[in-house]
C-alpha atoms as a PDB file:
ATOM      1  CA  UNK A   1      54.857-105.170 -29.817  1.00  0.00           C
ATOM      2  CA  UNK A   2      51.217-105.071 -29.317  1.00  0.00           C
ATOM      3  CA  UNK A   3      49.831-105.420 -25.979  1.00  0.00           C
ATOM      4  CA  UNK A   4      45.915-106.779 -26.156  1.00  0.00           C
ATOM      5  CA  UNK A   5      45.068-104.770 -23.116  1.00  0.00           C
ATOM      6  CA  UNK A   6      41.194-104.924 -23.738  1.00  0.00           C
ATOM      7  CA  UNK A   7      41.496-108.663 -22.987  1.00  0.00           C
ATOM      8  CA  UNK A   8      43.941-108.248 -20.088  1.00  0.00           C
ATOM      9  CA  UNK A   9      40.925-106.249 -18.576  1.00  0.00           C
ATOM     10  CA  UNK A  10      38.516-108.656 -19.393  1.00  0.00           C
ATOM     11  CA  UNK A  11      40.927-112.281 -17.786  1.00  0.00           C
ATOM     12  CA  UNK A  12      41.035-109.897 -14.688  1.00  0.00           C
ATOM     13  CA  UNK A  13      36.550-109.427 -14.564  1.00  0.00           C
ATOM     14  CA  UNK A  14      36.203-112.977 -15.658  1.00  0.00           C
ATOM     15  CA  UNK A  15      38.744-114.167 -12.416  1.00  0.00           C
ATOM     16  CA  UNK A  16      36.386-111.921  -9.885  1.00  0.00           C
ATOM     17  CA  UNK A  17      32.601-114.055 -11.180  1.00  0.00           C
ATOM     18  CA  UNK A  18      31.858-111.818 -13.489  1.00  0.00           C
ATOM     19  CA  UNK A  19      30.547-113.476 -17.098  1.00  0.00           C
ATOM     20  CA  UNK A  20      30.882-111.556 -20.551  1.00  0.00           C
ATOM     21  CA  UNK A  21      27.359-111.006 -21.954  1.00  0.00           C
ATOM     22  CA  UNK A  22      28.517-109.201 -25.197  1.00  0.00           C
ATOM     23  CA  UNK A  23      31.552-107.969 -27.187  1.00  0.00           C
ATOM     24  CA  UNK A  24      31.093-104.913 -28.840  1.00  0.00           C
ATOM     25  CA  UNK A  25      33.896-104.212 -32.028  1.00  0.00           C
ATOM     26  CA  UNK A  26      34.037-100.498 -32.687  1.00  0.00           C
ATOM     27  CA  UNK A  27      35.299-100.001 -36.025  1.00  0.00           C
ATOM     28  CA  UNK A  28      37.511 -96.655 -35.824  1.00  0.00           C
ATOM     29  CA  UNK A  29      36.565 -94.909 -39.446  1.00  0.00           C
ATOM     30  CA  UNK A  30      38.710 -92.360 -39.231  1.00  0.00           C
ATOM     31  CA  UNK A  31      41.973 -94.109 -38.495  1.00  0.00           C
ATOM     32  CA  UNK A  32      44.084 -93.301 -41.702  1.00  0.00           C
ATOM     33  CA  UNK A  33      47.394 -94.281 -42.596  1.00  0.00           C
ATOM     34  CA  UNK A  34      48.006 -90.941 -43.710  1.00  0.00           C
ATOM     35  CA  UNK A  35      51.706 -89.677 -44.374  1.00  0.00           C
ATOM     36  CA  UNK A  36      50.709 -87.143 -41.221  1.00  0.00           C
ATOM     37  CA  UNK A  37      50.031 -91.009 -39.339  1.00  0.00           C
ATOM     38  CA  UNK A  38      52.692 -92.838 -39.883  1.00  0.00           C
ATOM     39  CA  UNK A  39      55.007 -90.787 -39.464  1.00  0.00           C
ATOM     40  CA  UNK A  40      53.964 -89.790 -35.708  1.00  0.00           C
ATOM     41  CA  UNK A  41      53.061 -93.592 -34.881  1.00  0.00           C
ATOM     42  CA  UNK A  42      57.131 -93.820 -36.021  1.00  0.00           C
ATOM     43  CA  UNK A  43      58.547 -91.414 -33.965  1.00  0.00           C
ATOM     44  CA  UNK A  44      56.097 -91.932 -31.135  1.00  0.00           C
ATOM     45  CA  UNK A  45      56.487 -95.785 -31.363  1.00  0.00           C
ATOM     46  CA  UNK A  46      52.922 -96.740 -31.428  1.00  0.00           C
ATOM     47  CA  UNK A  47      50.460 -98.640 -34.199  1.00  0.00           C
ATOM     48  CA  UNK A  48      47.589 -97.339 -35.741  1.00  0.00           C
ATOM     49  CA  UNK A  49      44.611 -99.695 -34.071  1.00  0.00           C
ATOM     50  CA  UNK A  50      41.300-100.129 -36.476  1.00  0.00           C
ATOM     51  CA  UNK A  51      38.885-100.853 -33.730  1.00  0.00           C
ATOM     52  CA  UNK A  52      38.372-101.267 -30.137  1.00  0.00           C
ATOM     53  CA  UNK A  53      36.268-103.574 -27.686  1.00  0.00           C
ATOM     54  CA  UNK A  54      33.797-102.706 -25.310  1.00  0.00           C
ATOM     55  CA  UNK A  55      32.734-105.381 -23.425  1.00  0.00           C
ATOM     56  CA  UNK A  56      29.342-105.855 -21.486  1.00  0.00           C
ATOM     57  CA  UNK A  57      29.529-107.902 -18.452  1.00  0.00           C
ATOM     58  CA  UNK A  58      27.394-109.827 -15.841  1.00  0.00           C
ATOM     59  CA  UNK A  59      27.928-109.880 -12.185  1.00  0.00           C
ATOM     60  CA  UNK A  60      27.525-113.373 -11.192  1.00  0.00           C
END
């Protein structure tokens, strides 16, 4: 199951009077589904995620 932790963090900041100025999405270029990572993801029960979020906030 995928837990969208980035958006949960964003919600917490919005609740304490921060405004979201920008959401920068960083693509993971070296995240490949090679046999090595496919096996590791199955062994340790994690998903290969292809991007990350960088939120830029402004204090209100």
